[in-house]
Amino acid sequence: MKTIMVIDDEPEILKLVKSSLEKDAFAVVTAKNSRQALELLDNEKEVNFGLILIDTTMPGSKKRALFSMIPGTKKDTSNINDFLQKPFTDKQLVDFVKRKM
């Protein structure tokens, strides 16, 4: 199974997301900012990552969410199906990730 990268500036969110996904047997690496994420991508081959979840604000809204993207693909950030609005439950997170992978 490929690794999931989670990028969020809130350490507690990173810890919770990592813990939730690892309970469901996903491999997870975390980054607290884009610079750290790029370093991880430089150190690892991009193809090793099956999914990247990025903390963001949903288009047309002030609500925070995790945006999903598959490495190496172009994304249309207007697609609401690529977002998981915060706050979310462990089940919502795991279900979201399974749909995306």
PDB file of N, CA and C in Angstrom:
ATOM      1  N   MET A   1       0.844  -1.189   0.000  1.00  0.00           N
ATOM      2  CA  MET A   1       0.000   0.000   0.000  1.00  0.00           C
ATOM      3  C   MET A   1       0.882   1.242   0.000  1.00  0.00           C
ATOM      4  N   LYS A   2       0.491   2.231  -0.761  1.00  0.00           N
ATOM      5  CA  LYS A   2       1.260   3.471  -0.834  1.00  0.00           C
ATOM      6  C   LYS A   2       1.004   4.334   0.401  1.00  0.00           C
ATOM      7  N   THR A   3       1.953   5.216   0.655  1.00  0.00           N
ATOM      8  CA  THR A   3       1.910   6.091   1.818  1.00  0.00           C
ATOM      9  C   THR A   3       1.021   7.307   1.558  1.00  0.00           C
ATOM     10  N   ILE A   4       0.382   7.783   2.612  1.00  0.00           N
ATOM     11  CA  ILE A   4      -0.422   9.012   2.561  1.00  0.00           C
ATOM     12  C   ILE A   4       0.382  10.109   3.236  1.00  0.00           C
ATOM     13  N   MET A   5       0.487  11.264   2.572  1.00  0.00           N
ATOM     14  CA  MET A   5       1.116  12.426   3.184  1.00  0.00           C
ATOM     15  C   MET A   5       0.011  13.373   3.653  1.00  0.00           C
ATOM     16  N   VAL A   6       0.147  13.866   4.878  1.00  0.00           N
ATOM     17  CA  VAL A   6      -0.812  14.822   5.431  1.00  0.00           C
ATOM     18  C   VAL A   6      -0.054  16.104   5.754  1.00  0.00           C
ATOM     19  N   ILE A   7      -0.554  17.231   5.224  1.00  0.00           N
ATOM     20  CA  ILE A   7       0.082  18.531   5.440  1.00  0.00           C
ATOM     21  C   ILE A   7      -0.906  19.420   6.175  1.00  0.00           C
ATOM     22  N   ASP A   8      -0.531  19.835   7.374  1.00  0.00           N
ATOM     23  CA  ASP A   8      -1.400  20.694   8.184  1.00  0.00           C
ATOM     24  C   ASP A   8      -0.530  21.454   9.165  1.00  0.00           C
ATOM     25  N   ASP A   9      -0.856  22.717   9.414  1.00  0.00           N
ATOM     26  CA  ASP A   9      -0.050  23.528  10.327  1.00  0.00           C
ATOM     27  C   ASP A   9      -0.441  23.327  11.791  1.00  0.00           C
ATOM     28  N   GLU A  10      -1.473  22.530  12.052  1.00  0.00           N
ATOM     29  CA  GLU A  10      -1.901  22.272  13.419  1.00  0.00           C
ATOM     30  C   GLU A  10      -1.361  20.910  13.871  1.00  0.00           C
ATOM     31  N   PRO A  11      -0.390  20.896  14.802  1.00  0.00           N
ATOM     32  CA  PRO A  11       0.206  19.637  15.242  1.00  0.00           C
ATOM     33  C   PRO A  11      -0.822  18.627  15.763  1.00  0.00           C
ATOM     34  N   GLU A  12      -1.841  19.101  16.444  1.00  0.00           N
ATOM     35  CA  GLU A  12      -2.844  18.196  16.997  1.00  0.00           C
ATOM     36  C   GLU A  12      -3.644  17.505  15.887  1.00  0.00           C
ATOM     37  N   ILE A  13      -3.945  18.245  14.825  1.00  0.00           N
ATOM     38  CA  ILE A  13      -4.662  17.647  13.679  1.00  0.00           C
ATOM     39  C   ILE A  13      -3.779  16.595  13.020  1.00  0.00           C
ATOM     40  N   LEU A  14      -2.499  16.918  12.821  1.00  0.00           N
ATOM     41  CA  LEU A  14      -1.578  15.946  12.227  1.00  0.00           C
ATOM     42  C   LEU A  14      -1.545  14.655  13.041  1.00  0.00           C
ATOM     43  N   LYS A  15      -1.466  14.809  14.351  1.00  0.00           N
ATOM     44  CA  LYS A  15      -1.400  13.654  15.243  1.00  0.00           C
ATOM     45  C   LYS A  15      -2.687  12.821  15.152  1.00  0.00           C
ATOM     46  N   LEU A  16      -3.832  13.487  15.166  1.00  0.00           N
ATOM     47  CA  LEU A  16      -5.120  12.782  15.106  1.00  0.00           C
ATOM     48  C   LEU A  16      -5.324  12.078  13.768  1.00  0.00           C
ATOM     49  N   VAL A  17      -5.015  12.765  12.680  1.00  0.00           N
ATOM     50  CA  VAL A  17      -5.192  12.169  11.349  1.00  0.00           C
ATOM     51  C   VAL A  17      -4.252  10.974  11.186  1.00  0.00           C
ATOM     52  N   LYS A  18      -3.009  11.139  11.575  1.00  0.00           N
ATOM     53  CA  LYS A  18      -2.032  10.042  11.473  1.00  0.00           C
ATOM     54  C   LYS A  18      -2.500   8.839  12.279  1.00  0.00           C
ATOM     55  N   SER A  19      -2.921   9.075  13.500  1.00  0.00           N
ATOM     56  CA  SER A  19      -3.379   7.994  14.374  1.00  0.00           C
ATOM     57  C   SER A  19      -4.598   7.285  13.787  1.00  0.00           C
ATOM     58  N   SER A  20      -5.568   8.041  13.310  1.00  0.00           N
ATOM     59  CA  SER A  20      -6.790   7.462  12.735  1.00  0.00           C
ATOM     60  C   SER A  20      -6.491   6.599  11.524  1.00  0.00           C
ATOM     61  N   LEU A  21      -5.644   7.092  10.647  1.00  0.00           N
ATOM     62  CA  LEU A  21      -5.342   6.345   9.427  1.00  0.00           C
ATOM     63  C   LEU A  21      -4.459   5.123   9.710  1.00  0.00           C
ATOM     64  N   GLU A  22      -3.527   5.260  10.644  1.00  0.00           N
ATOM     65  CA  GLU A  22      -2.672   4.122  10.978  1.00  0.00           C
ATOM     66  C   GLU A  22      -3.473   2.995  11.636  1.00  0.00           C
ATOM     67  N   LYS A  23      -4.517   3.338  12.385  1.00  0.00           N
ATOM     68  CA  LYS A  23      -5.392   2.314  12.971  1.00  0.00           C
ATOM     69  C   LYS A  23      -6.045   1.474  11.884  1.00  0.00           C
ATOM     70  N   ASP A  24      -6.217   2.069  10.708  1.00  0.00           N
ATOM     71  CA  ASP A  24      -6.847   1.367   9.587  1.00  0.00           C
ATOM     72  C   ASP A  24      -5.789   0.828   8.621  1.00  0.00           C
ATOM     73  N   ALA A  25      -4.569   0.696   9.099  1.00  0.00           N
ATOM     74  CA  ALA A  25      -3.452   0.069   8.368  1.00  0.00           C
ATOM     75  C   ALA A  25      -2.895   0.892   7.208  1.00  0.00           C
ATOM     76  N   PHE A  26      -3.103   2.195   7.219  1.00  0.00           N
ATOM     77  CA  PHE A  26      -2.488   3.067   6.224  1.00  0.00           C
ATOM     78  C   PHE A  26      -1.119   3.511   6.740  1.00  0.00           C
ATOM     79  N   ALA A  27      -0.157   3.631   5.846  1.00  0.00           N
ATOM     80  CA  ALA A  27       1.136   4.230   6.176  1.00  0.00           C
ATOM     81  C   ALA A  27       0.995   5.736   5.991  1.00  0.00           C
ATOM     82  N   VAL A  28       1.458   6.517   6.976  1.00  0.00           N
ATOM     83  CA  VAL A  28       1.240   7.966   6.958  1.00  0.00           C
ATOM     84  C   VAL A  28       2.523   8.700   7.312  1.00  0.00           C
ATOM     85  N   VAL A  29       2.814   9.763   6.555  1.00  0.00           N
ATOM     86  CA  VAL A  29       3.857  10.715   6.937  1.00  0.00           C
ATOM     87  C   VAL A  29       3.191  12.078   7.036  1.00  0.00           C
ATOM     88  N   THR A  30       3.720  12.920   7.907  1.00  0.00           N
ATOM     89  CA  THR A  30       3.115  14.233   8.113  1.00  0.00           C
ATOM     90  C   THR A  30       4.128  15.341   7.852  1.00  0.00           C
ATOM     91  N   ALA A  31       3.593  16.492   7.482  1.00  0.00           N
ATOM     92  CA  ALA A  31       4.399  17.692   7.276  1.00  0.00           C
ATOM     93  C   ALA A  31       3.622  18.874   7.849  1.00  0.00           C
ATOM     94  N   LYS A  32       4.341  19.772   8.516  1.00  0.00           N
ATOM     95  CA  LYS A  32       3.670  20.913   9.145  1.00  0.00           C
ATOM     96  C   LYS A  32       3.568  22.134   8.228  1.00  0.00           C
ATOM     97  N   ASN A  33       4.220  22.063   7.053  1.00  0.00           N
ATOM     98  CA  ASN A  33       4.136  23.169   6.098  1.00  0.00           C
ATOM     99  C   ASN A  33       4.564  22.676   4.718  1.00  0.00           C
ATOM    100  N   SER A  34       4.405  23.528   3.721  1.00  0.00           N
ATOM    101  CA  SER A  34       4.712  23.123   2.350  1.00  0.00           C
ATOM    102  C   SER A  34       6.210  22.858   2.147  1.00  0.00           C
ATOM    103  N   ARG A  35       7.052  23.585   2.841  1.00  0.00           N
ATOM    104  CA  ARG A  35       8.496  23.367   2.703  1.00  0.00           C
ATOM    105  C   ARG A  35       8.875  21.962   3.175  1.00  0.00           C
ATOM    106  N   GLN A  36       8.347  21.573   4.319  1.00  0.00           N
ATOM    107  CA  GLN A  36       8.623  20.234   4.838  1.00  0.00           C
ATOM    108  C   GLN A  36       8.034  19.165   3.905  1.00  0.00           C
ATOM    109  N   ALA A  37       6.869  19.426   3.339  1.00  0.00           N
ATOM    110  CA  ALA A  37       6.251  18.481   2.397  1.00  0.00           C
ATOM    111  C   ALA A  37       7.120  18.313   1.152  1.00  0.00           C
ATOM    112  N   LEU A  38       7.636  19.411   0.633  1.00  0.00           N
ATOM    113  CA  LEU A  38       8.501  19.333  -0.548  1.00  0.00           C
ATOM    114  C   LEU A  38       9.794  18.583  -0.248  1.00  0.00           C
ATOM    115  N   GLU A  39      10.328  18.763   0.957  1.00  0.00           N
ATOM    116  CA  GLU A  39      11.524  18.016   1.356  1.00  0.00           C
ATOM    117  C   GLU A  39      11.223  16.515   1.378  1.00  0.00           C
ATOM    118  N   LEU A  40      10.059  16.147   1.903  1.00  0.00           N
ATOM    119  CA  LEU A  40       9.668  14.741   1.928  1.00  0.00           C
ATOM    120  C   LEU A  40       9.524  14.190   0.512  1.00  0.00           C
ATOM    121  N   LEU A  41       8.946  14.998  -0.375  1.00  0.00           N
ATOM    122  CA  LEU A  41       8.788  14.567  -1.761  1.00  0.00           C
ATOM    123  C   LEU A  41      10.141  14.444  -2.453  1.00  0.00           C
ATOM    124  N   ASP A  42      11.102  15.299  -2.082  1.00  0.00           N
ATOM    125  CA  ASP A  42      12.449  15.202  -2.645  1.00  0.00           C
ATOM    126  C   ASP A  42      13.162  13.946  -2.151  1.00  0.00           C
ATOM    127  N   ASN A  43      12.969  13.624  -0.868  1.00  0.00           N
ATOM    128  CA  ASN A  43      13.646  12.468  -0.272  1.00  0.00           C
ATOM    129  C   ASN A  43      13.027  11.143  -0.716  1.00  0.00           C
ATOM    130  N   GLU A  44      11.746  11.145  -0.963  1.00  0.00           N
ATOM    131  CA  GLU A  44      11.020   9.950  -1.404  1.00  0.00           C
ATOM    132  C   GLU A  44      10.648  10.152  -2.871  1.00  0.00           C
ATOM    133  N   LYS A  45      10.398   9.097  -3.558  1.00  0.00           N
ATOM    134  CA  LYS A  45       9.877   9.232  -4.913  1.00  0.00           C
ATOM    135  C   LYS A  45       8.385   9.547  -4.810  1.00  0.00           C
ATOM    136  N   GLU A  46       7.935  10.479  -5.626  1.00  0.00           N
ATOM    137  CA  GLU A  46       6.532  10.884  -5.590  1.00  0.00           C
ATOM    138  C   GLU A  46       5.595   9.694  -5.776  1.00  0.00           C
ATOM    139  N   VAL A  47       6.029   8.719  -6.564  1.00  0.00           N
ATOM    140  CA  VAL A  47       5.173   7.553  -6.823  1.00  0.00           C
ATOM    141  C   VAL A  47       4.953   6.706  -5.575  1.00  0.00           C
ATOM    142  N   ASN A  48       5.745   6.914  -4.524  1.00  0.00           N
ATOM    143  CA  ASN A  48       5.552   6.183  -3.273  1.00  0.00           C
ATOM    144  C   ASN A  48       4.325   6.667  -2.504  1.00  0.00           C
ATOM    145  N   PHE A  49       3.823   7.842  -2.882  1.00  0.00           N
ATOM    146  CA  PHE A  49       2.666   8.408  -2.196  1.00  0.00           C
ATOM    147  C   PHE A  49       1.405   8.144  -3.010  1.00  0.00           C
ATOM    148  N   GLY A  50       0.417   7.547  -2.361  1.00  0.00           N
ATOM    149  CA  GLY A  50      -0.844   7.265  -3.027  1.00  0.00           C
ATOM    150  C   GLY A  50      -1.824   8.409  -2.934  1.00  0.00           C
ATOM    151  N   LEU A  51      -1.629   9.267  -1.922  1.00  0.00           N
ATOM    152  CA  LEU A  51      -2.569  10.357  -1.686  1.00  0.00           C
ATOM    153  C   LEU A  51      -1.884  11.413  -0.832  1.00  0.00           C
ATOM    154  N   ILE A  52      -2.201  12.672  -1.108  1.00  0.00           N
ATOM    155  CA  ILE A  52      -1.730  13.777  -0.278  1.00  0.00           C
ATOM    156  C   ILE A  52      -2.962  14.534   0.203  1.00  0.00           C
ATOM    157  N   LEU A  53      -3.035  14.755   1.517  1.00  0.00           N
ATOM    158  CA  LEU A  53      -4.119  15.539   2.123  1.00  0.00           C
ATOM    159  C   LEU A  53      -3.523  16.848   2.605  1.00  0.00           C
ATOM    160  N   ILE A  54      -4.102  17.954   2.123  1.00  0.00           N
ATOM    161  CA  ILE A  54      -3.554  19.279   2.404  1.00  0.00           C
ATOM    162  C   ILE A  54      -4.601  20.121   3.121  1.00  0.00           C
ATOM    163  N   ASP A  55      -4.212  20.723   4.239  1.00  0.00           N
ATOM    164  CA  ASP A  55      -5.083  21.645   4.965  1.00  0.00           C
ATOM    165  C   ASP A  55      -5.309  22.882   4.100  1.00  0.00           C
ATOM    166  N   THR A  56      -6.553  23.245   3.938  1.00  0.00           N
ATOM    167  CA  THR A  56      -6.877  24.386   3.077  1.00  0.00           C
ATOM    168  C   THR A  56      -8.231  24.954   3.450  1.00  0.00           C
ATOM    169  N   THR A  57      -8.605  26.021   2.786  1.00  0.00           N
ATOM    170  CA  THR A  57      -9.946  26.575   2.912  1.00  0.00           C
ATOM    171  C   THR A  57     -10.702  26.225   1.639  1.00  0.00           C
ATOM    172  N   MET A  58     -11.925  25.772   1.794  1.00  0.00           N
ATOM    173  CA  MET A  58     -12.723  25.359   0.639  1.00  0.00           C
ATOM    174  C   MET A  58     -13.030  26.559  -0.252  1.00  0.00           C
ATOM    175  N   PRO A  59     -12.971  26.380  -1.585  1.00  0.00           N
ATOM    176  CA  PRO A  59     -13.292  27.481  -2.494  1.00  0.00           C
ATOM    177  C   PRO A  59     -14.703  28.020  -2.233  1.00  0.00           C
ATOM    178  N   GLY A  60     -14.822  29.342  -2.212  1.00  0.00           N
ATOM    179  CA  GLY A  60     -16.117  29.977  -2.006  1.00  0.00           C
ATOM    180  C   GLY A  60     -16.609  29.904  -0.571  1.00  0.00           C
ATOM    181  N   SER A  61     -15.725  29.561   0.360  1.00  0.00           N
ATOM    182  CA  SER A  61     -16.121  29.394   1.748  1.00  0.00           C
ATOM    183  C   SER A  61     -14.955  29.751   2.653  1.00  0.00           C
ATOM    184  N   LYS A  62     -15.265  30.022   3.897  1.00  0.00           N
ATOM    185  CA  LYS A  62     -14.215  30.263   4.883  1.00  0.00           C
ATOM    186  C   LYS A  62     -14.007  29.037   5.756  1.00  0.00           C
ATOM    187  N   LYS A  63     -14.647  27.924   5.387  1.00  0.00           N
ATOM    188  CA  LYS A  63     -14.536  26.699   6.170  1.00  0.00           C
ATOM    189  C   LYS A  63     -13.234  25.983   5.840  1.00  0.00           C
ATOM    190  N   ARG A  64     -12.589  25.466   6.871  1.00  0.00           N
ATOM    191  CA  ARG A  64     -11.343  24.726   6.673  1.00  0.00           C
ATOM    192  C   ARG A  64     -11.653  23.278   6.341  1.00  0.00           C
ATOM    193  N   ALA A  65     -10.765  22.694   5.562  1.00  0.00           N
ATOM    194  CA  ALA A  65     -10.971  21.325   5.108  1.00  0.00           C
ATOM    195  C   ALA A  65      -9.644  20.701   4.729  1.00  0.00           C
ATOM    196  N   LEU A  66      -9.668  19.387   4.534  1.00  0.00           N
ATOM    197  CA  LEU A  66      -8.536  18.688   3.942  1.00  0.00           C
ATOM    198  C   LEU A  66      -8.846  18.485   2.474  1.00  0.00           C
ATOM    199  N   PHE A  67      -7.936  18.887   1.621  1.00  0.00           N
ATOM    200  CA  PHE A  67      -8.053  18.732   0.173  1.00  0.00           C
ATOM    201  C   PHE A  67      -7.240  17.516  -0.216  1.00  0.00           C
ATOM    202  N   SER A  68      -7.812  16.659  -1.046  1.00  0.00           N
ATOM    203  CA  SER A  68      -7.091  15.449  -1.458  1.00  0.00           C
ATOM    204  C   SER A  68      -6.555  15.599  -2.870  1.00  0.00           C
ATOM    205  N   MET A  69      -5.379  15.046  -3.087  1.00  0.00           N
ATOM    206  CA  MET A  69      -4.822  15.012  -4.438  1.00  0.00           C
ATOM    207  C   MET A  69      -3.960  13.775  -4.606  1.00  0.00           C
ATOM    208  N   ILE A  70      -3.991  13.237  -5.791  1.00  0.00           N
ATOM    209  CA  ILE A  70      -3.142  12.117  -6.154  1.00  0.00           C
ATOM    210  C   ILE A  70      -1.858  12.724  -6.737  1.00  0.00           C
ATOM    211  N   PRO A  71      -0.694  12.371  -6.206  1.00  0.00           N
ATOM    212  CA  PRO A  71       0.549  12.935  -6.742  1.00  0.00           C
ATOM    213  C   PRO A  71       0.686  12.699  -8.242  1.00  0.00           C
ATOM    214  N   GLY A  72       1.212  13.718  -8.926  1.00  0.00           N
ATOM    215  CA  GLY A  72       1.457  13.592 -10.362  1.00  0.00           C
ATOM    216  C   GLY A  72       0.254  13.875 -11.233  1.00  0.00           C
ATOM    217  N   THR A  73      -0.864  14.298 -10.631  1.00  0.00           N
ATOM    218  CA  THR A  73      -2.050  14.603 -11.431  1.00  0.00           C
ATOM    219  C   THR A  73      -2.400  16.071 -11.276  1.00  0.00           C
ATOM    220  N   LYS A  74      -3.017  16.639 -12.297  1.00  0.00           N
ATOM    221  CA  LYS A  74      -3.507  18.011 -12.204  1.00  0.00           C
ATOM    222  C   LYS A  74      -4.841  17.978 -11.480  1.00  0.00           C
ATOM    223  N   LYS A  75      -5.070  18.946 -10.615  1.00  0.00           N
ATOM    224  CA  LYS A  75      -6.307  18.970  -9.843  1.00  0.00           C
ATOM    225  C   LYS A  75      -7.099  20.224 -10.129  1.00  0.00           C
ATOM    226  N   ASP A  76      -8.391  20.050 -10.136  1.00  0.00           N
ATOM    227  CA  ASP A  76      -9.328  21.158 -10.225  1.00  0.00           C
ATOM    228  C   ASP A  76      -9.837  21.396  -8.818  1.00  0.00           C
ATOM    229  N   THR A  77      -9.371  22.457  -8.165  1.00  0.00           N
ATOM    230  CA  THR A  77      -9.718  22.684  -6.770  1.00  0.00           C
ATOM    231  C   THR A  77     -11.158  23.129  -6.574  1.00  0.00           C
ATOM    232  N   SER A  78     -11.927  23.249  -7.639  1.00  0.00           N
ATOM    233  CA  SER A  78     -13.336  23.610  -7.482  1.00  0.00           C
ATOM    234  C   SER A  78     -14.208  22.376  -7.254  1.00  0.00           C
ATOM    235  N   ASN A  79     -13.623  21.177  -7.335  1.00  0.00           N
ATOM    236  CA  ASN A  79     -14.394  19.951  -7.153  1.00  0.00           C
ATOM    237  C   ASN A  79     -14.601  19.688  -5.666  1.00  0.00           C
ATOM    238  N   ILE A  80     -15.817  19.920  -5.184  1.00  0.00           N
ATOM    239  CA  ILE A  80     -16.130  19.789  -3.762  1.00  0.00           C
ATOM    240  C   ILE A  80     -15.931  18.362  -3.248  1.00  0.00           C
ATOM    241  N   ASN A  81     -15.939  17.382  -4.131  1.00  0.00           N
ATOM    242  CA  ASN A  81     -15.759  15.993  -3.715  1.00  0.00           C
ATOM    243  C   ASN A  81     -14.328  15.689  -3.287  1.00  0.00           C
ATOM    244  N   ASP A  82     -13.407  16.601  -3.559  1.00  0.00           N
ATOM    245  CA  ASP A  82     -12.015  16.407  -3.180  1.00  0.00           C
ATOM    246  C   ASP A  82     -11.712  16.981  -1.798  1.00  0.00           C
ATOM    247  N   PHE A  83     -12.735  17.489  -1.106  1.00  0.00           N
ATOM    248  CA  PHE A  83     -12.557  18.112   0.195  1.00  0.00           C
ATOM    249  C   PHE A  83     -13.267  17.343   1.295  1.00  0.00           C
ATOM    250  N   LEU A  84     -12.648  17.288   2.460  1.00  0.00           N
ATOM    251  CA  LEU A  84     -13.277  16.758   3.664  1.00  0.00           C
ATOM    252  C   LEU A  84     -13.299  17.893   4.667  1.00  0.00           C
ATOM    253  N   GLN A  85     -14.505  18.402   4.935  1.00  0.00           N
ATOM    254  CA  GLN A  85     -14.647  19.568   5.803  1.00  0.00           C
ATOM    255  C   GLN A  85     -14.301  19.230   7.246  1.00  0.00           C
ATOM    256  N   LYS A  86     -13.586  20.137   7.884  1.00  0.00           N
ATOM    257  CA  LYS A  86     -13.262  20.014   9.311  1.00  0.00           C
ATOM    258  C   LYS A  86     -14.412  20.603  10.120  1.00  0.00           C
ATOM    259  N   PRO A  87     -14.716  20.102  11.267  1.00  0.00           N
ATOM    260  CA  PRO A  87     -14.170  18.898  11.888  1.00  0.00           C
ATOM    261  C   PRO A  87     -14.787  17.649  11.263  1.00  0.00           C
ATOM    262  N   PHE A  88     -14.076  16.537  11.358  1.00  0.00           N
ATOM    263  CA  PHE A  88     -14.564  15.270  10.819  1.00  0.00           C
ATOM    264  C   PHE A  88     -14.284  14.172  11.837  1.00  0.00           C
ATOM    265  N   THR A  89     -15.025  13.083  11.709  1.00  0.00           N
ATOM    266  CA  THR A  89     -14.825  11.941  12.595  1.00  0.00           C
ATOM    267  C   THR A  89     -13.756  11.019  11.999  1.00  0.00           C
ATOM    268  N   ASP A  90     -13.283  10.092  12.811  1.00  0.00           N
ATOM    269  CA  ASP A  90     -12.326   9.097  12.320  1.00  0.00           C
ATOM    270  C   ASP A  90     -12.919   8.328  11.148  1.00  0.00           C
ATOM    271  N   LYS A  91     -14.174   7.924  11.273  1.00  0.00           N
ATOM    272  CA  LYS A  91     -14.839   7.157  10.217  1.00  0.00           C
ATOM    273  C   LYS A  91     -14.945   7.974   8.933  1.00  0.00           C
ATOM    274  N   GLN A  92     -15.323   9.245   9.038  1.00  0.00           N
ATOM    275  CA  GLN A  92     -15.416  10.098   7.852  1.00  0.00           C
ATOM    276  C   GLN A  92     -14.059  10.221   7.173  1.00  0.00           C
ATOM    277  N   LEU A  93     -13.004  10.375   7.955  1.00  0.00           N
ATOM    278  CA  LEU A  93     -11.655  10.489   7.406  1.00  0.00           C
ATOM    279  C   LEU A  93     -11.253   9.211   6.676  1.00  0.00           C
ATOM    280  N   VAL A  94     -11.412   8.082   7.322  1.00  0.00           N
ATOM    281  CA  VAL A  94     -11.018   6.803   6.726  1.00  0.00           C
ATOM    282  C   VAL A  94     -11.840   6.523   5.471  1.00  0.00           C
ATOM    283  N   ASP A  95     -13.142   6.756   5.530  1.00  0.00           N
ATOM    284  CA  ASP A  95     -13.996   6.551   4.349  1.00  0.00           C
ATOM    285  C   ASP A  95     -13.580   7.453   3.194  1.00  0.00           C
ATOM    286  N   PHE A  96     -13.266   8.713   3.500  1.00  0.00           N
ATOM    287  CA  PHE A  96     -12.821   9.678   2.495  1.00  0.00           C
ATOM    288  C   PHE A  96     -11.541   9.195   1.820  1.00  0.00           C
ATOM    289  N   VAL A  97     -10.575   8.768   2.626  1.00  0.00           N
ATOM    290  CA  VAL A  97      -9.288   8.299   2.097  1.00  0.00           C
ATOM    291  C   VAL A  97      -9.493   7.046   1.246  1.00  0.00           C
ATOM    292  N   LYS A  98     -10.310   6.131   1.692  1.00  0.00           N
ATOM    293  CA  LYS A  98     -10.561   4.897   0.915  1.00  0.00           C
ATOM    294  C   LYS A  98     -11.188   5.218  -0.429  1.00  0.00           C
ATOM    295  N   ARG A  99     -12.088   6.186  -0.472  1.00  0.00           N
ATOM    296  CA  ARG A  99     -12.706   6.585  -1.749  1.00  0.00           C
ATOM    297  C   ARG A  99     -11.672   7.191  -2.704  1.00  0.00           C
ATOM    298  N   LYS A 100     -10.724   7.915  -2.154  1.00  0.00           N
ATOM    299  CA  LYS A 100      -9.739   8.620  -2.966  1.00  0.00           C
ATOM    300  C   LYS A 100      -8.621   7.713  -3.454  1.00  0.00           C
ATOM    301  N   MET A 101      -8.356   6.641  -2.729  1.00  0.00           N
ATOM    302  CA  MET A 101      -7.273   5.736  -3.125  1.00  0.00           C
ATOM    303  C   MET A 101      -7.875   4.640  -3.932  1.00  0.00           C
TER     304      MET A 101
END
